[in-house]
Amino acid sequence: MSRVITALRSDAAQIALYAVIAVVLTTLISTKAIGSYIGLSIGVASVYGILVLAVSLLAGWAGIPSFAHAGLLAVGAYAAAFGSRNGWSFEQTVLIAMAITAALGAALGFIGSRFSELYAGLLTIAFALIVLEVINNWSEITGGDEGRPVSSLTSITGAVFFASSQPAIVLAIVVFVVCLAIAVVARRLTLRLRTSAAKSHTVAARSIGISPPMQFTLAFAVSGAFGGLAGVLFGLTSGFVSPDSFSLNFAALIVAAAVLGGFGSVAGAIVGGAFMSLASVLANSIGVNQQLIEGIVLIAVLLLLPLGLVPSLNRLARRLLRRFRVGAGLAPQTAALARGAEE
C-alpha cells in the first residue's frame, strides 16, 4: 500500500512540475518577456513533443518504432487547413482529425500485429510513403505541391486562434502539458500492462485472455489519435502545410527524437520535442548540415546512453542518491520521484 501511495505522489509531483513549467512559459509568452521567435520555437517544440510522446510510448509499450506518425501528422495538419477554409471550429477539426488518425492507426496496428516487429516497422514506412503520394495527387483537397495555408480556427468558446499567433502558441503548450499528464496517468493503467505483456510474453498473454492483435490495435489507435491532434496544432503554429514538411527524413527524425529522449519515457518527449525544434537552428548557427547533427547526436546517444537521455540520467541519479543519501527515510521517496521522471 505504501508503494502505491508513493507512486501516486510521484505522479502528482511530476504532473505539478509540468504544470508549473507551462504556467511560466505561457506567462513569459503572454507578457512578451521573450521574443516572438523564441515563443514560436517553444510552441513548435510543444507540437513536436506531442508527436514524440505518441511515438515513444508506442515503441516503449508495444515495441514498434513507428515511422507512420509523419503521415498521421500530415492528416491532422491538412484537416486544420481544410477546416480553416470551410469554417470548422477548432474542436470540430480536432475531433475529426483524431477520429481519422485513430482509425488509420488502428488499421496499422491490426495489420502489423500479424508480423514481426521488423516487418511492422516497414509497414509504417510504407504508410508514410502512401500518405505523401496521396497528398501530392489529391490536389483538390491538399493543394498538391503548392500546399495549403491555415489562416485561423475559431473555438466554440469564441476564442480565435490565428496561425502562428500568441494564443495558438499558448494553446500548443497547454495541450502538450495535458498530453503529458494523460501519459503519466496512463502508465499506471491496464492498457500499458496488457500491451507490454502482449509484446514480451505473447503465449502467456493469450493464456490469460489477452489478445495481442487487439492490444496492438488499441495502442496504435490511441497513438494515432495523438498524432492527429499534433497535426492540427502543427497547422496552427506553422500557418502553412505542404508535402515537404512530412518527408521520410522527417519521419526518421521523429523516431530519432524518441530514441534521444528514451522509448517509453514521458519526460523524454520534452527532450525529443526540443531537439526536433532546435536542430535546424543549431545547424544554421554553426553552418553544418542538419542531418549531420541529427546523425551525430543519435549515434552518440546510442553509444553512450543506450536507454535514452532521460532514463540514463535518472538511472545515474538514483545510483548517486543511494550512495550519498543522508537519511534512510528520504531515499525511498526520492528514488520514486526519479523513477517517475524516467518513465
C-alpha atoms as a PDB file:
ATOM      1  CA  MET A   1       0.000   0.000   0.000  1.00  0.00           C
ATOM      2  CA  SER A   2       2.826   2.382   0.848  1.00  0.00           C
ATOM      3  CA  ARG A   3       4.372   1.762  -2.576  1.00  0.00           C
ATOM      4  CA  VAL A   4       1.082   2.667  -4.263  1.00  0.00           C
ATOM      5  CA  ILE A   5       0.835   5.897  -2.279  1.00  0.00           C
ATOM      6  CA  THR A   6       4.461   6.741  -3.070  1.00  0.00           C
ATOM      7  CA  ALA A   7       3.846   6.082  -6.782  1.00  0.00           C
ATOM      8  CA  LEU A   8       0.746   8.297  -6.774  1.00  0.00           C
ATOM      9  CA  ARG A   9       2.664  11.057  -5.044  1.00  0.00           C
ATOM     10  CA  SER A  10       5.416  10.725  -7.621  1.00  0.00           C
ATOM     11  CA  ASP A  11       2.891  11.021 -10.463  1.00  0.00           C
ATOM     12  CA  ALA A  12       1.223  14.030  -8.829  1.00  0.00           C
ATOM     13  CA  ALA A  13       4.597  15.728  -8.332  1.00  0.00           C
ATOM     14  CA  GLN A  14       5.563  15.099 -11.954  1.00  0.00           C
ATOM     15  CA  ILE A  15       2.259  16.482 -13.281  1.00  0.00           C
ATOM     16  CA  ALA A  16       2.565  19.505 -10.978  1.00  0.00           C
ATOM     17  CA  LEU A  17       6.074  20.149 -12.293  1.00  0.00           C
ATOM     18  CA  TYR A  18       4.855  20.086 -15.897  1.00  0.00           C
ATOM     19  CA  ALA A  19       2.004  22.449 -14.973  1.00  0.00           C
ATOM     20  CA  VAL A  20       4.382  24.911 -13.313  1.00  0.00           C
ATOM     21  CA  ILE A  21       6.658  24.886 -16.358  1.00  0.00           C
ATOM     22  CA  ALA A  22       3.649  25.514 -18.611  1.00  0.00           C
ATOM     23  CA  VAL A  23       2.465  28.424 -16.455  1.00  0.00           C
ATOM     24  CA  VAL A  24       5.924  30.000 -16.518  1.00  0.00           C
ATOM     25  CA  LEU A  25       6.281  29.626 -20.290  1.00  0.00           C
ATOM     26  CA  THR A  26       2.794  30.865 -21.125  1.00  0.00           C
ATOM     27  CA  THR A  27       3.266  33.835 -18.802  1.00  0.00           C
ATOM     28  CA  LEU A  28       6.554  34.760 -20.435  1.00  0.00           C
ATOM     29  CA  ILE A  29       4.997  34.473 -23.891  1.00  0.00           C
ATOM     30  CA  SER A  30       1.797  36.347 -22.973  1.00  0.00           C
ATOM     31  CA  THR A  31       3.687  39.229 -21.370  1.00  0.00           C
ATOM     32  CA  LYS A  32       6.155  39.283 -24.284  1.00  0.00           C
ATOM     33  CA  ALA A  33       9.034  38.828 -21.858  1.00  0.00           C
ATOM     34  CA  ILE A  34      10.647  36.648 -24.513  1.00  0.00           C
ATOM     35  CA  GLY A  35      10.929  37.332 -28.223  1.00  0.00           C
ATOM     36  CA  SER A  36       8.303  36.185 -30.690  1.00  0.00           C
ATOM     37  CA  TYR A  37      10.761  33.857 -32.434  1.00  0.00           C
ATOM     38  CA  ILE A  38      11.660  32.102 -29.183  1.00  0.00           C
ATOM     39  CA  GLY A  39       7.983  31.847 -28.316  1.00  0.00           C
ATOM     40  CA  LEU A  40       7.215  30.311 -31.699  1.00  0.00           C
ATOM     41  CA  SER A  41      10.090  27.843 -31.242  1.00  0.00           C
ATOM     42  CA  ILE A  42       8.629  26.797 -27.878  1.00  0.00           C
ATOM     43  CA  GLY A  43       5.214  26.326 -29.491  1.00  0.00           C
ATOM     44  CA  VAL A  44       6.675  24.203 -32.291  1.00  0.00           C
ATOM     45  CA  ALA A  45       8.662  22.185 -29.728  1.00  0.00           C
ATOM     46  CA  SER A  46       5.407  21.528 -27.852  1.00  0.00           C
ATOM     47  CA  VAL A  47       3.730  20.245 -31.011  1.00  0.00           C
ATOM     48  CA  TYR A  48       6.700  18.018 -31.769  1.00  0.00           C
ATOM     49  CA  GLY A  49       6.684  16.915 -28.127  1.00  0.00           C
ATOM     50  CA  ILE A  50       3.146  15.539 -28.518  1.00  0.00           C
ATOM     51  CA  LEU A  51       4.263  13.673 -31.626  1.00  0.00           C
ATOM     52  CA  VAL A  52       7.393  12.286 -29.962  1.00  0.00           C
ATOM     53  CA  LEU A  53       5.317  11.258 -26.939  1.00  0.00           C
ATOM     54  CA  ALA A  54       2.969   9.268 -29.173  1.00  0.00           C
ATOM     55  CA  VAL A  55       5.867   7.503 -30.932  1.00  0.00           C
ATOM     56  CA  SER A  56       7.891   6.970 -27.758  1.00  0.00           C
ATOM     57  CA  LEU A  57       5.116   5.375 -25.729  1.00  0.00           C
ATOM     58  CA  LEU A  58       4.074   3.185 -28.651  1.00  0.00           C
ATOM     59  CA  ALA A  59       7.660   1.973 -29.070  1.00  0.00           C
ATOM     60  CA  GLY A  60       8.190   1.536 -25.340  1.00  0.00           C
ATOM     61  CA  TRP A  61       4.929  -0.257 -24.646  1.00  0.00           C
ATOM     62  CA  ALA A  62       4.246  -2.131 -27.894  1.00  0.00           C
ATOM     63  CA  GLY A  63       7.843  -2.448 -29.095  1.00  0.00           C
ATOM     64  CA  ILE A  64       7.242  -0.904 -32.535  1.00  0.00           C
ATOM     65  CA  PRO A  65       9.083   2.297 -33.570  1.00  0.00           C
ATOM     66  CA  SER A  66       6.574   3.950 -35.897  1.00  0.00           C
ATOM     67  CA  PHE A  67       7.549   5.934 -38.978  1.00  0.00           C
ATOM     68  CA  ALA A  68       3.851   6.320 -39.784  1.00  0.00           C
ATOM     69  CA  HIS A  69       3.398   9.298 -37.477  1.00  0.00           C
ATOM     70  CA  ALA A  70       4.771  11.694 -40.068  1.00  0.00           C
ATOM     71  CA  GLY A  71       1.805  10.681 -42.217  1.00  0.00           C
ATOM     72  CA  LEU A  72      -0.612  10.895 -39.279  1.00  0.00           C
ATOM     73  CA  LEU A  73       0.728  14.377 -38.508  1.00  0.00           C
ATOM     74  CA  ALA A  74       0.087  15.290 -42.143  1.00  0.00           C
ATOM     75  CA  VAL A  75      -3.525  14.094 -41.919  1.00  0.00           C
ATOM     76  CA  GLY A  76      -4.107  16.295 -38.884  1.00  0.00           C
ATOM     77  CA  ALA A  77      -2.365  19.288 -40.466  1.00  0.00           C
ATOM     78  CA  TYR A  78      -4.393  19.067 -43.682  1.00  0.00           C
ATOM     79  CA  ALA A  79      -7.535  18.659 -41.589  1.00  0.00           C
ATOM     80  CA  ALA A  80      -6.631  22.001 -39.986  1.00  0.00           C
ATOM     81  CA  ALA A  81      -6.159  23.554 -43.438  1.00  0.00           C
ATOM     82  CA  PHE A  82      -9.474  22.136 -44.664  1.00  0.00           C
ATOM     83  CA  GLY A  83     -11.290  23.219 -41.514  1.00  0.00           C
ATOM     84  CA  SER A  84      -9.814  26.701 -41.765  1.00  0.00           C
ATOM     85  CA  ARG A  85     -11.116  27.087 -45.326  1.00  0.00           C
ATOM     86  CA  ASN A  86     -14.566  25.671 -44.548  1.00  0.00           C
ATOM     87  CA  GLY A  87     -15.358  27.387 -41.267  1.00  0.00           C
ATOM     88  CA  TRP A  88     -14.941  24.436 -38.923  1.00  0.00           C
ATOM     89  CA  SER A  89     -14.482  25.145 -35.251  1.00  0.00           C
ATOM     90  CA  PHE A  90     -11.224  24.203 -33.544  1.00  0.00           C
ATOM     91  CA  GLU A  91     -12.927  21.463 -31.540  1.00  0.00           C
ATOM     92  CA  GLN A  92     -14.651  20.041 -34.610  1.00  0.00           C
ATOM     93  CA  THR A  93     -11.368  19.972 -36.507  1.00  0.00           C
ATOM     94  CA  VAL A  94      -9.569  18.240 -33.644  1.00  0.00           C
ATOM     95  CA  LEU A  95     -12.269  15.599 -33.213  1.00  0.00           C
ATOM     96  CA  ILE A  96     -12.408  14.799 -36.930  1.00  0.00           C
ATOM     97  CA  ALA A  97      -8.610  14.686 -37.232  1.00  0.00           C
ATOM     98  CA  MET A  98      -8.255  12.449 -34.180  1.00  0.00           C
ATOM     99  CA  ALA A  99     -11.033  10.142 -35.358  1.00  0.00           C
ATOM    100  CA  ILE A 100      -9.445   9.699 -38.786  1.00  0.00           C
ATOM    101  CA  THR A 101      -5.929   9.171 -37.458  1.00  0.00           C
ATOM    102  CA  ALA A 102      -7.173   6.824 -34.729  1.00  0.00           C
ATOM    103  CA  ALA A 103      -8.893   4.708 -37.398  1.00  0.00           C
ATOM    104  CA  LEU A 104      -5.755   4.710 -39.548  1.00  0.00           C
ATOM    105  CA  GLY A 105      -3.643   3.838 -36.513  1.00  0.00           C
ATOM    106  CA  ALA A 106      -5.999   1.008 -35.582  1.00  0.00           C
ATOM    107  CA  ALA A 107      -5.731  -0.411 -39.104  1.00  0.00           C
ATOM    108  CA  LEU A 108      -1.935  -0.229 -38.934  1.00  0.00           C
ATOM    109  CA  GLY A 109      -1.894  -1.899 -35.532  1.00  0.00           C
ATOM    110  CA  PHE A 110      -4.253  -4.677 -36.583  1.00  0.00           C
ATOM    111  CA  ILE A 111      -2.281  -5.447 -39.745  1.00  0.00           C
ATOM    112  CA  GLY A 112       1.101  -5.009 -38.072  1.00  0.00           C
ATOM    113  CA  SER A 113       0.214  -7.405 -35.251  1.00  0.00           C
ATOM    114  CA  ARG A 114       0.392 -10.228 -37.810  1.00  0.00           C
ATOM    115  CA  PHE A 115       4.067  -9.552 -38.465  1.00  0.00           C
ATOM    116  CA  SER A 116       7.300  -9.344 -36.528  1.00  0.00           C
ATOM    117  CA  GLU A 117       8.451  -6.005 -35.138  1.00  0.00           C
ATOM    118  CA  LEU A 118      10.776  -5.534 -38.130  1.00  0.00           C
ATOM    119  CA  TYR A 119       8.037  -6.017 -40.719  1.00  0.00           C
ATOM    120  CA  ALA A 120       5.605  -3.935 -38.674  1.00  0.00           C
ATOM    121  CA  GLY A 121       8.179  -1.123 -38.767  1.00  0.00           C
ATOM    122  CA  LEU A 122       8.472  -1.488 -42.526  1.00  0.00           C
ATOM    123  CA  LEU A 123       4.683  -1.301 -42.730  1.00  0.00           C
ATOM    124  CA  THR A 124       4.756   2.093 -41.022  1.00  0.00           C
ATOM    125  CA  ILE A 125       7.343   3.317 -43.552  1.00  0.00           C
ATOM    126  CA  ALA A 126       5.090   2.189 -46.388  1.00  0.00           C
ATOM    127  CA  PHE A 127       2.178   4.056 -44.805  1.00  0.00           C
ATOM    128  CA  ALA A 128       4.201   7.284 -44.608  1.00  0.00           C
ATOM    129  CA  LEU A 129       5.095   6.965 -48.297  1.00  0.00           C
ATOM    130  CA  ILE A 130       1.477   6.284 -49.261  1.00  0.00           C
ATOM    131  CA  VAL A 131       0.295   9.392 -47.397  1.00  0.00           C
ATOM    132  CA  LEU A 132       2.875  11.505 -49.251  1.00  0.00           C
ATOM    133  CA  GLU A 133       1.664  10.091 -52.572  1.00  0.00           C
ATOM    134  CA  VAL A 134      -1.953  10.866 -51.707  1.00  0.00           C
ATOM    135  CA  ILE A 135      -1.050  14.419 -50.670  1.00  0.00           C
ATOM    136  CA  ASN A 136       0.806  15.042 -53.920  1.00  0.00           C
ATOM    137  CA  ASN A 137      -2.005  13.711 -56.109  1.00  0.00           C
ATOM    138  CA  TRP A 138      -5.178  14.774 -54.278  1.00  0.00           C
ATOM    139  CA  SER A 139      -4.604  18.398 -55.207  1.00  0.00           C
ATOM    140  CA  GLU A 140      -8.288  19.415 -54.883  1.00  0.00           C
ATOM    141  CA  ILE A 141      -8.034  18.967 -51.128  1.00  0.00           C
ATOM    142  CA  THR A 142      -4.324  19.213 -50.342  1.00  0.00           C
ATOM    143  CA  GLY A 143      -3.188  21.690 -52.989  1.00  0.00           C
ATOM    144  CA  GLY A 144      -0.562  19.217 -54.200  1.00  0.00           C
ATOM    145  CA  ASP A 145       2.990  20.522 -54.227  1.00  0.00           C
ATOM    146  CA  GLU A 146       1.787  24.068 -53.536  1.00  0.00           C
ATOM    147  CA  GLY A 147       0.327  23.141 -50.151  1.00  0.00           C
ATOM    148  CA  ARG A 148      -2.462  24.868 -48.235  1.00  0.00           C
ATOM    149  CA  PRO A 149      -2.497  27.814 -45.815  1.00  0.00           C
ATOM    150  CA  VAL A 150      -4.020  27.607 -42.343  1.00  0.00           C
ATOM    151  CA  SER A 151      -5.376  31.056 -41.552  1.00  0.00           C
ATOM    152  CA  SER A 152      -7.288  30.540 -38.307  1.00  0.00           C
ATOM    153  CA  LEU A 153      -9.594  28.280 -36.332  1.00  0.00           C
ATOM    154  CA  THR A 154     -12.310  29.548 -34.002  1.00  0.00           C
ATOM    155  CA  SER A 155     -13.169  27.746 -30.776  1.00  0.00           C
ATOM    156  CA  ILE A 156     -16.749  27.151 -29.668  1.00  0.00           C
ATOM    157  CA  THR A 157     -15.874  29.400 -26.714  1.00  0.00           C
ATOM    158  CA  GLY A 158     -15.374  32.282 -29.132  1.00  0.00           C
ATOM    159  CA  ALA A 159     -11.574  32.359 -28.977  1.00  0.00           C
ATOM    160  CA  VAL A 160      -9.901  32.773 -32.358  1.00  0.00           C
ATOM    161  CA  PHE A 161      -6.574  31.052 -32.958  1.00  0.00           C
ATOM    162  CA  PHE A 162      -4.787  32.757 -35.819  1.00  0.00           C
ATOM    163  CA  ALA A 163      -1.860  30.904 -37.366  1.00  0.00           C
ATOM    164  CA  SER A 164       1.452  31.460 -35.567  1.00  0.00           C
ATOM    165  CA  SER A 165      -0.254  33.836 -33.146  1.00  0.00           C
ATOM    166  CA  GLN A 166       0.384  34.105 -29.435  1.00  0.00           C
ATOM    167  CA  PRO A 167      -2.884  32.314 -28.492  1.00  0.00           C
ATOM    168  CA  ALA A 168      -2.044  29.450 -30.865  1.00  0.00           C
ATOM    169  CA  ILE A 169       1.397  29.045 -29.272  1.00  0.00           C
ATOM    170  CA  VAL A 170      -0.054  29.122 -25.756  1.00  0.00           C
ATOM    171  CA  LEU A 171      -2.669  26.581 -26.836  1.00  0.00           C
ATOM    172  CA  ALA A 172       0.050  24.228 -28.109  1.00  0.00           C
ATOM    173  CA  ILE A 173       1.911  24.428 -24.781  1.00  0.00           C
ATOM    174  CA  VAL A 174      -1.225  23.803 -22.729  1.00  0.00           C
ATOM    175  CA  VAL A 175      -2.297  20.845 -24.874  1.00  0.00           C
ATOM    176  CA  PHE A 176       1.203  19.361 -24.629  1.00  0.00           C
ATOM    177  CA  VAL A 177       1.101  19.518 -20.817  1.00  0.00           C
ATOM    178  CA  VAL A 178      -2.348  17.910 -20.817  1.00  0.00           C
ATOM    179  CA  CYS A 179      -0.976  15.106 -23.015  1.00  0.00           C
ATOM    180  CA  LEU A 180       1.969  14.650 -20.640  1.00  0.00           C
ATOM    181  CA  ALA A 181      -0.421  14.411 -17.690  1.00  0.00           C
ATOM    182  CA  ILE A 182      -2.546  11.846 -19.533  1.00  0.00           C
ATOM    183  CA  ALA A 183       0.580   9.802 -20.297  1.00  0.00           C
ATOM    184  CA  VAL A 184       1.688   9.910 -16.647  1.00  0.00           C
ATOM    185  CA  VAL A 185      -1.706   8.557 -15.567  1.00  0.00           C
ATOM    186  CA  ALA A 186      -1.904   6.047 -18.442  1.00  0.00           C
ATOM    187  CA  ARG A 187       1.301   4.264 -17.479  1.00  0.00           C
ATOM    188  CA  ARG A 188      -0.474   3.059 -14.313  1.00  0.00           C
ATOM    189  CA  LEU A 189      -3.467   1.731 -16.266  1.00  0.00           C
ATOM    190  CA  THR A 190      -4.028  -1.779 -17.576  1.00  0.00           C
ATOM    191  CA  LEU A 191      -3.548  -0.601 -21.178  1.00  0.00           C
ATOM    192  CA  ARG A 192       0.190  -0.337 -20.668  1.00  0.00           C
ATOM    193  CA  LEU A 193       0.423  -3.568 -18.676  1.00  0.00           C
ATOM    194  CA  ARG A 194      -1.626  -5.563 -21.172  1.00  0.00           C
ATOM    195  CA  THR A 195       0.233  -4.132 -24.172  1.00  0.00           C
ATOM    196  CA  SER A 196       3.622  -4.799 -22.567  1.00  0.00           C
ATOM    197  CA  ALA A 197       2.534  -8.336 -21.718  1.00  0.00           C
ATOM    198  CA  ALA A 198       1.359  -8.913 -25.296  1.00  0.00           C
ATOM    199  CA  LYS A 199       4.731  -7.666 -26.559  1.00  0.00           C
ATOM    200  CA  SER A 200       7.017  -9.537 -24.166  1.00  0.00           C
ATOM    201  CA  HIS A 201       5.117 -12.780 -23.447  1.00  0.00           C
ATOM    202  CA  THR A 202       2.698 -13.432 -26.277  1.00  0.00           C
ATOM    203  CA  VAL A 203       1.876 -17.041 -25.387  1.00  0.00           C
ATOM    204  CA  ALA A 204       1.439 -16.283 -21.694  1.00  0.00           C
ATOM    205  CA  ALA A 205      -0.709 -13.262 -22.526  1.00  0.00           C
ATOM    206  CA  ARG A 206      -3.013 -15.374 -24.676  1.00  0.00           C
ATOM    207  CA  SER A 207      -3.331 -17.934 -21.885  1.00  0.00           C
ATOM    208  CA  ILE A 208      -4.834 -15.318 -19.546  1.00  0.00           C
ATOM    209  CA  GLY A 209      -7.204 -13.889 -22.140  1.00  0.00           C
ATOM    210  CA  ILE A 210      -5.149 -11.020 -23.563  1.00  0.00           C
ATOM    211  CA  SER A 211      -5.374 -10.727 -27.340  1.00  0.00           C
ATOM    212  CA  PRO A 212      -2.091  -9.327 -28.733  1.00  0.00           C
ATOM    213  CA  PRO A 213      -3.698  -8.160 -32.024  1.00  0.00           C
ATOM    214  CA  MET A 214      -6.373  -6.285 -30.095  1.00  0.00           C
ATOM    215  CA  GLN A 215      -3.812  -4.675 -27.777  1.00  0.00           C
ATOM    216  CA  PHE A 216      -1.611  -3.548 -30.671  1.00  0.00           C
ATOM    217  CA  THR A 217      -4.682  -2.230 -32.486  1.00  0.00           C
ATOM    218  CA  LEU A 218      -5.769  -0.234 -29.444  1.00  0.00           C
ATOM    219  CA  ALA A 219      -2.233   1.065 -28.770  1.00  0.00           C
ATOM    220  CA  PHE A 220      -1.804   2.208 -32.379  1.00  0.00           C
ATOM    221  CA  ALA A 221      -5.263   3.815 -32.365  1.00  0.00           C
ATOM    222  CA  VAL A 222      -4.528   5.881 -29.245  1.00  0.00           C
ATOM    223  CA  SER A 223      -1.073   6.829 -30.522  1.00  0.00           C
ATOM    224  CA  GLY A 224      -2.520   7.721 -33.917  1.00  0.00           C
ATOM    225  CA  ALA A 225      -5.147   9.969 -32.328  1.00  0.00           C
ATOM    226  CA  PHE A 226      -2.410  11.931 -30.557  1.00  0.00           C
ATOM    227  CA  GLY A 227      -0.589  12.194 -33.892  1.00  0.00           C
ATOM    228  CA  GLY A 228      -3.691  13.749 -35.440  1.00  0.00           C
ATOM    229  CA  LEU A 229      -4.007  16.195 -32.545  1.00  0.00           C
ATOM    230  CA  ALA A 230      -0.379  17.214 -33.045  1.00  0.00           C
ATOM    231  CA  GLY A 231      -1.120  17.704 -36.750  1.00  0.00           C
ATOM    232  CA  VAL A 232      -3.898  20.223 -36.101  1.00  0.00           C
ATOM    233  CA  LEU A 233      -1.627  22.172 -33.756  1.00  0.00           C
ATOM    234  CA  PHE A 234       1.192  21.942 -36.298  1.00  0.00           C
ATOM    235  CA  GLY A 235      -1.032  23.578 -38.889  1.00  0.00           C
ATOM    236  CA  LEU A 236      -1.969  26.339 -36.450  1.00  0.00           C
ATOM    237  CA  THR A 237       1.575  27.097 -35.328  1.00  0.00           C
ATOM    238  CA  SER A 238       3.148  26.937 -38.788  1.00  0.00           C
ATOM    239  CA  GLY A 239       0.322  28.574 -40.749  1.00  0.00           C
ATOM    240  CA  PHE A 240       1.055  26.520 -43.847  1.00  0.00           C
ATOM    241  CA  VAL A 241       1.207  22.826 -44.723  1.00  0.00           C
ATOM    242  CA  SER A 242       2.898  21.206 -47.713  1.00  0.00           C
ATOM    243  CA  PRO A 243       4.257  17.745 -48.588  1.00  0.00           C
ATOM    244  CA  ASP A 244       7.830  18.870 -47.873  1.00  0.00           C
ATOM    245  CA  SER A 245       7.008  19.047 -44.160  1.00  0.00           C
ATOM    246  CA  PHE A 246       6.190  15.323 -43.926  1.00  0.00           C
ATOM    247  CA  SER A 247       9.011  13.622 -45.798  1.00  0.00           C
ATOM    248  CA  LEU A 248      10.535  10.263 -44.912  1.00  0.00           C
ATOM    249  CA  ASN A 249      13.517  12.142 -43.467  1.00  0.00           C
ATOM    250  CA  PHE A 250      11.117  13.879 -41.103  1.00  0.00           C
ATOM    251  CA  ALA A 251       9.632  10.505 -40.139  1.00  0.00           C
ATOM    252  CA  ALA A 252      13.121   9.255 -39.290  1.00  0.00           C
ATOM    253  CA  LEU A 253      13.762  12.424 -37.269  1.00  0.00           C
ATOM    254  CA  ILE A 254      10.685  11.724 -35.132  1.00  0.00           C
ATOM    255  CA  VAL A 255      11.939   8.228 -34.286  1.00  0.00           C
ATOM    256  CA  ALA A 256      15.434   9.603 -33.624  1.00  0.00           C
ATOM    257  CA  ALA A 257      13.967  12.193 -31.226  1.00  0.00           C
ATOM    258  CA  ALA A 258      12.080   9.425 -29.417  1.00  0.00           C
ATOM    259  CA  VAL A 259      15.305   7.426 -29.122  1.00  0.00           C
ATOM    260  CA  LEU A 260      17.090  10.509 -27.787  1.00  0.00           C
ATOM    261  CA  GLY A 261      14.504  11.079 -25.056  1.00  0.00           C
ATOM    262  CA  GLY A 262      14.152   7.366 -24.334  1.00  0.00           C
ATOM    263  CA  PHE A 263      11.491   4.945 -25.574  1.00  0.00           C
ATOM    264  CA  GLY A 264       8.612   4.831 -23.107  1.00  0.00           C
ATOM    265  CA  SER A 265       9.759   7.947 -21.226  1.00  0.00           C
ATOM    266  CA  VAL A 266       7.162  10.660 -20.671  1.00  0.00           C
ATOM    267  CA  ALA A 267       9.741  13.288 -19.744  1.00  0.00           C
ATOM    268  CA  GLY A 268      11.818  12.171 -22.731  1.00  0.00           C
ATOM    269  CA  ALA A 269       9.147  13.601 -25.036  1.00  0.00           C
ATOM    270  CA  ILE A 270      10.109  17.088 -23.840  1.00  0.00           C
ATOM    271  CA  VAL A 271      13.732  16.445 -24.760  1.00  0.00           C
ATOM    272  CA  GLY A 272      12.757  14.953 -28.118  1.00  0.00           C
ATOM    273  CA  GLY A 273      10.411  17.818 -28.992  1.00  0.00           C
ATOM    274  CA  ALA A 274      13.045  20.405 -28.115  1.00  0.00           C
ATOM    275  CA  PHE A 275      15.619  18.532 -30.198  1.00  0.00           C
ATOM    276  CA  MET A 276      13.351  18.496 -33.254  1.00  0.00           C
ATOM    277  CA  SER A 277      12.609  22.203 -32.887  1.00  0.00           C
ATOM    278  CA  LEU A 278      16.172  23.358 -32.245  1.00  0.00           C
ATOM    279  CA  ALA A 279      18.126  21.042 -34.559  1.00  0.00           C
ATOM    280  CA  SER A 280      17.688  23.320 -37.576  1.00  0.00           C
ATOM    281  CA  VAL A 281      18.564  26.420 -35.508  1.00  0.00           C
ATOM    282  CA  LEU A 282      21.746  24.787 -34.249  1.00  0.00           C
ATOM    283  CA  ALA A 283      22.685  23.611 -37.747  1.00  0.00           C
ATOM    284  CA  ASN A 284      22.253  27.093 -39.217  1.00  0.00           C
ATOM    285  CA  SER A 285      24.147  28.774 -36.393  1.00  0.00           C
ATOM    286  CA  ILE A 286      27.273  26.643 -36.849  1.00  0.00           C
ATOM    287  CA  GLY A 287      26.948  26.218 -40.616  1.00  0.00           C
ATOM    288  CA  VAL A 288      26.565  22.433 -40.603  1.00  0.00           C
ATOM    289  CA  ASN A 289      24.021  20.250 -42.396  1.00  0.00           C
ATOM    290  CA  GLN A 290      21.075  19.490 -40.117  1.00  0.00           C
ATOM    291  CA  GLN A 291      21.038  15.790 -40.930  1.00  0.00           C
ATOM    292  CA  LEU A 292      24.710  15.570 -39.940  1.00  0.00           C
ATOM    293  CA  ILE A 293      23.932  16.992 -36.496  1.00  0.00           C
ATOM    294  CA  GLU A 294      20.963  14.675 -36.083  1.00  0.00           C
ATOM    295  CA  GLY A 295      23.090  11.675 -37.029  1.00  0.00           C
ATOM    296  CA  ILE A 296      25.943  12.610 -34.690  1.00  0.00           C
ATOM    297  CA  VAL A 297      23.587  13.170 -31.754  1.00  0.00           C
ATOM    298  CA  LEU A 298      21.746   9.909 -32.390  1.00  0.00           C
ATOM    299  CA  ILE A 299      24.955   7.852 -32.666  1.00  0.00           C
ATOM    300  CA  ALA A 300      26.358   9.462 -29.511  1.00  0.00           C
ATOM    301  CA  VAL A 301      23.188   8.667 -27.562  1.00  0.00           C
ATOM    302  CA  LEU A 302      23.070   5.075 -28.795  1.00  0.00           C
ATOM    303  CA  LEU A 303      26.716   4.530 -27.842  1.00  0.00           C
ATOM    304  CA  LEU A 304      26.850   6.429 -24.546  1.00  0.00           C
ATOM    305  CA  LEU A 305      23.237   6.433 -23.337  1.00  0.00           C
ATOM    306  CA  PRO A 306      21.552   3.407 -24.951  1.00  0.00           C
ATOM    307  CA  LEU A 307      18.392   3.768 -22.840  1.00  0.00           C
ATOM    308  CA  GLY A 308      17.947   7.365 -23.970  1.00  0.00           C
ATOM    309  CA  LEU A 309      18.933  10.629 -22.335  1.00  0.00           C
ATOM    310  CA  VAL A 310      16.246  10.863 -19.639  1.00  0.00           C
ATOM    311  CA  PRO A 311      16.226   7.204 -18.456  1.00  0.00           C
ATOM    312  CA  SER A 312      20.042   7.054 -18.441  1.00  0.00           C
ATOM    313  CA  LEU A 313      20.426  10.270 -16.455  1.00  0.00           C
ATOM    314  CA  ASN A 314      17.771   9.185 -13.987  1.00  0.00           C
ATOM    315  CA  ARG A 315      19.453   5.826 -13.507  1.00  0.00           C
ATOM    316  CA  LEU A 316      22.710   7.641 -12.794  1.00  0.00           C
ATOM    317  CA  ALA A 317      20.915   9.981 -10.379  1.00  0.00           C
ATOM    318  CA  ARG A 318      19.427   7.055  -8.453  1.00  0.00           C
ATOM    319  CA  ARG A 319      22.838   5.466  -8.092  1.00  0.00           C
ATOM    320  CA  LEU A 320      24.295   8.700  -6.744  1.00  0.00           C
ATOM    321  CA  LEU A 321      21.366   9.133  -4.364  1.00  0.00           C
ATOM    322  CA  ARG A 322      21.801   5.629  -2.993  1.00  0.00           C
ATOM    323  CA  ARG A 323      25.480   6.290  -2.481  1.00  0.00           C
ATOM    324  CA  PHE A 324      25.219   9.711  -0.886  1.00  0.00           C
ATOM    325  CA  ARG A 325      21.788   9.581   0.730  1.00  0.00           C
ATOM    326  CA  VAL A 326      21.586  11.386   4.003  1.00  0.00           C
ATOM    327  CA  GLY A 327      18.758   9.523   5.660  1.00  0.00           C
ATOM    328  CA  ALA A 328      17.134   6.162   5.059  1.00  0.00           C
ATOM    329  CA  GLY A 329      13.659   7.681   5.290  1.00  0.00           C
ATOM    330  CA  LEU A 330      14.257  10.151   2.482  1.00  0.00           C
ATOM    331  CA  ALA A 331      15.706   7.696  -0.005  1.00  0.00           C
ATOM    332  CA  PRO A 332      12.546   5.756  -0.999  1.00  0.00           C
ATOM    333  CA  GLN A 333      10.546   8.882  -1.840  1.00  0.00           C
ATOM    334  CA  THR A 334      13.453  10.412  -3.763  1.00  0.00           C
ATOM    335  CA  ALA A 335      14.026   7.198  -5.692  1.00  0.00           C
ATOM    336  CA  ALA A 336      10.318   7.005  -6.534  1.00  0.00           C
ATOM    337  CA  LEU A 337      10.370  10.529  -7.918  1.00  0.00           C
ATOM    338  CA  ALA A 338      13.378   9.627 -10.049  1.00  0.00           C
ATOM    339  CA  ARG A 339      11.625   6.532 -11.373  1.00  0.00           C
ATOM    340  CA  GLY A 340       8.586   8.622 -12.224  1.00  0.00           C
ATOM    341  CA  ALA A 341      10.685  11.100 -14.203  1.00  0.00           C
ATOM    342  CA  GLU A 342      12.369   8.239 -16.051  1.00  0.00           C
ATOM    343  CA  GLU A 343       9.019   6.861 -17.165  1.00  0.00           C
END
